[in-house]
Amino acid sequence: MKGMQIAILALIAITGAAVVFTRQPSRQIISVSFFGGLLAIMFFLFQAPDVALSQLVIGAVALPLMVLLALAKIRAESRRQQK
């Protein structure tokens, strides 16, 4: 079990760095969603299934969806103002 925990922590570190260094907002949201999924797996491996479910719903689904909707609204508004 220790090997899986160390592996997931390494993946989380790599994915967190990828989120930080990604500059395009739509790609960054996808990487944030993947990061949230990895955090949910980490919580499950560390014996916290209730926190894992909360992280899965919020970090991997709700947050990226809200940010993508906000980006779509901003882009639509800027297109409307350009016309």
C-alpha atoms as a PDB file:
ATOM      1  CA  MET A   1       0.000   0.000   0.000  1.00  0.00           C
ATOM      2  CA  LYS A   2       2.885   2.365   0.707  1.00  0.00           C
ATOM      3  CA  GLY A   3       4.029   2.093  -2.906  1.00  0.00           C
ATOM      4  CA  MET A   4       0.622   3.194  -4.220  1.00  0.00           C
ATOM      5  CA  GLN A   5       0.534   6.112  -1.781  1.00  0.00           C
ATOM      6  CA  ILE A   6       3.988   7.292  -2.848  1.00  0.00           C
ATOM      7  CA  ALA A   7       3.059   6.911  -6.523  1.00  0.00           C
ATOM      8  CA  ILE A   8      -0.145   8.942  -6.159  1.00  0.00           C
ATOM      9  CA  LEU A   9       1.698  11.665  -4.257  1.00  0.00           C
ATOM     10  CA  ALA A  10       4.264  11.870  -7.068  1.00  0.00           C
ATOM     11  CA  LEU A  11       1.486  12.061  -9.676  1.00  0.00           C
ATOM     12  CA  ILE A  12      -0.219  14.821  -7.687  1.00  0.00           C
ATOM     13  CA  ALA A  13       3.024  16.807  -7.561  1.00  0.00           C
ATOM     14  CA  ILE A  14       3.521  16.445 -11.319  1.00  0.00           C
ATOM     15  CA  THR A  15      -0.090  17.312 -12.110  1.00  0.00           C
ATOM     16  CA  GLY A  16      -0.014  20.314  -9.768  1.00  0.00           C
ATOM     17  CA  ALA A  17       3.039  21.640 -11.581  1.00  0.00           C
ATOM     18  CA  ALA A  18       1.297  21.059 -14.917  1.00  0.00           C
ATOM     19  CA  VAL A  19      -1.682  23.110 -13.735  1.00  0.00           C
ATOM     20  CA  VAL A  20       0.590  25.980 -12.727  1.00  0.00           C
ATOM     21  CA  PHE A  21       2.609  26.009 -15.945  1.00  0.00           C
ATOM     22  CA  THR A  22      -0.359  25.676 -18.318  1.00  0.00           C
ATOM     23  CA  ARG A  23      -1.262  29.086 -19.733  1.00  0.00           C
ATOM     24  CA  GLN A  24      -4.304  28.439 -21.917  1.00  0.00           C
ATOM     25  CA  PRO A  25      -7.426  28.658 -19.690  1.00  0.00           C
ATOM     26  CA  SER A  26      -9.363  25.808 -21.298  1.00  0.00           C
ATOM     27  CA  ARG A  27      -6.411  23.419 -21.001  1.00  0.00           C
ATOM     28  CA  GLN A  28      -5.795  24.594 -17.465  1.00  0.00           C
ATOM     29  CA  ILE A  29      -9.362  23.710 -16.482  1.00  0.00           C
ATOM     30  CA  ILE A  30      -8.941  20.207 -17.897  1.00  0.00           C
ATOM     31  CA  SER A  31      -5.734  19.750 -15.922  1.00  0.00           C
ATOM     32  CA  VAL A  32      -7.441  21.090 -12.768  1.00  0.00           C
ATOM     33  CA  SER A  33     -10.170  18.504 -13.241  1.00  0.00           C
ATOM     34  CA  PHE A  34      -7.589  15.731 -13.601  1.00  0.00           C
ATOM     35  CA  PHE A  35      -5.795  17.088 -10.515  1.00  0.00           C
ATOM     36  CA  GLY A  36      -9.059  16.946  -8.553  1.00  0.00           C
ATOM     37  CA  GLY A  37      -9.591  13.339  -9.611  1.00  0.00           C
ATOM     38  CA  LEU A  38      -6.099  12.406  -8.458  1.00  0.00           C
ATOM     39  CA  LEU A  39      -6.729  14.113  -5.119  1.00  0.00           C
ATOM     40  CA  ALA A  40      -9.904  12.059  -4.710  1.00  0.00           C
ATOM     41  CA  ILE A  41      -7.913   8.879  -5.370  1.00  0.00           C
ATOM     42  CA  MET A  42      -5.294  10.004  -2.851  1.00  0.00           C
ATOM     43  CA  PHE A  43      -7.918  10.600  -0.164  1.00  0.00           C
ATOM     44  CA  PHE A  44      -9.371   7.164  -0.836  1.00  0.00           C
ATOM     45  CA  LEU A  45      -5.941   5.531  -0.543  1.00  0.00           C
ATOM     46  CA  PHE A  46      -5.335   7.349   2.740  1.00  0.00           C
ATOM     47  CA  GLN A  47      -8.564   5.892   4.201  1.00  0.00           C
ATOM     48  CA  ALA A  48     -10.814   8.962   3.878  1.00  0.00           C
ATOM     49  CA  PRO A  49     -13.620   7.900   1.513  1.00  0.00           C
ATOM     50  CA  ASP A  50     -16.018  10.664   2.615  1.00  0.00           C
ATOM     51  CA  VAL A  51     -13.461  13.348   1.782  1.00  0.00           C
ATOM     52  CA  ALA A  52     -12.708  11.530  -1.483  1.00  0.00           C
ATOM     53  CA  LEU A  53     -16.361  11.714  -2.541  1.00  0.00           C
ATOM     54  CA  SER A  54     -16.548  15.402  -1.664  1.00  0.00           C
ATOM     55  CA  GLN A  55     -13.343  16.096  -3.594  1.00  0.00           C
ATOM     56  CA  LEU A  56     -14.615  14.153  -6.582  1.00  0.00           C
ATOM     57  CA  VAL A  57     -17.822  16.157  -6.760  1.00  0.00           C
ATOM     58  CA  ILE A  58     -16.310  19.576  -6.083  1.00  0.00           C
ATOM     59  CA  GLY A  59     -12.760  19.376  -7.427  1.00  0.00           C
ATOM     60  CA  ALA A  60     -13.247  17.192 -10.467  1.00  0.00           C
ATOM     61  CA  VAL A  61     -16.740  18.208 -11.597  1.00  0.00           C
ATOM     62  CA  ALA A  62     -18.263  21.360 -10.112  1.00  0.00           C
ATOM     63  CA  LEU A  63     -15.276  23.722 -10.080  1.00  0.00           C
ATOM     64  CA  PRO A  64     -14.133  23.040 -13.670  1.00  0.00           C
ATOM     65  CA  LEU A  65     -17.727  23.255 -14.911  1.00  0.00           C
ATOM     66  CA  MET A  66     -18.277  26.629 -13.222  1.00  0.00           C
ATOM     67  CA  VAL A  67     -15.025  28.051 -14.595  1.00  0.00           C
ATOM     68  CA  LEU A  68     -15.750  26.790 -18.125  1.00  0.00           C
ATOM     69  CA  LEU A  69     -19.205  28.377 -17.982  1.00  0.00           C
ATOM     70  CA  ALA A  70     -17.679  31.656 -16.793  1.00  0.00           C
ATOM     71  CA  LEU A  71     -15.110  31.583 -19.619  1.00  0.00           C
ATOM     72  CA  ALA A  72     -17.867  30.918 -22.154  1.00  0.00           C
ATOM     73  CA  LYS A  73     -19.891  33.863 -20.837  1.00  0.00           C
ATOM     74  CA  ILE A  74     -16.865  36.169 -20.926  1.00  0.00           C
ATOM     75  CA  ARG A  75     -16.052  35.147 -24.499  1.00  0.00           C
ATOM     76  CA  ALA A  76     -19.665  35.594 -25.608  1.00  0.00           C
ATOM     77  CA  GLU A  77     -19.782  39.023 -23.972  1.00  0.00           C
ATOM     78  CA  SER A  78     -16.546  40.125 -25.652  1.00  0.00           C
ATOM     79  CA  ARG A  79     -17.838  38.928 -29.040  1.00  0.00           C
ATOM     80  CA  ARG A  80     -21.072  40.836 -28.487  1.00  0.00           C
ATOM     81  CA  GLN A  81     -19.181  44.021 -27.638  1.00  0.00           C
ATOM     82  CA  GLN A  82     -16.989  43.713 -30.744  1.00  0.00           C
ATOM     83  CA  LYS A  83     -20.030  43.770 -33.054  1.00  0.00           C
END
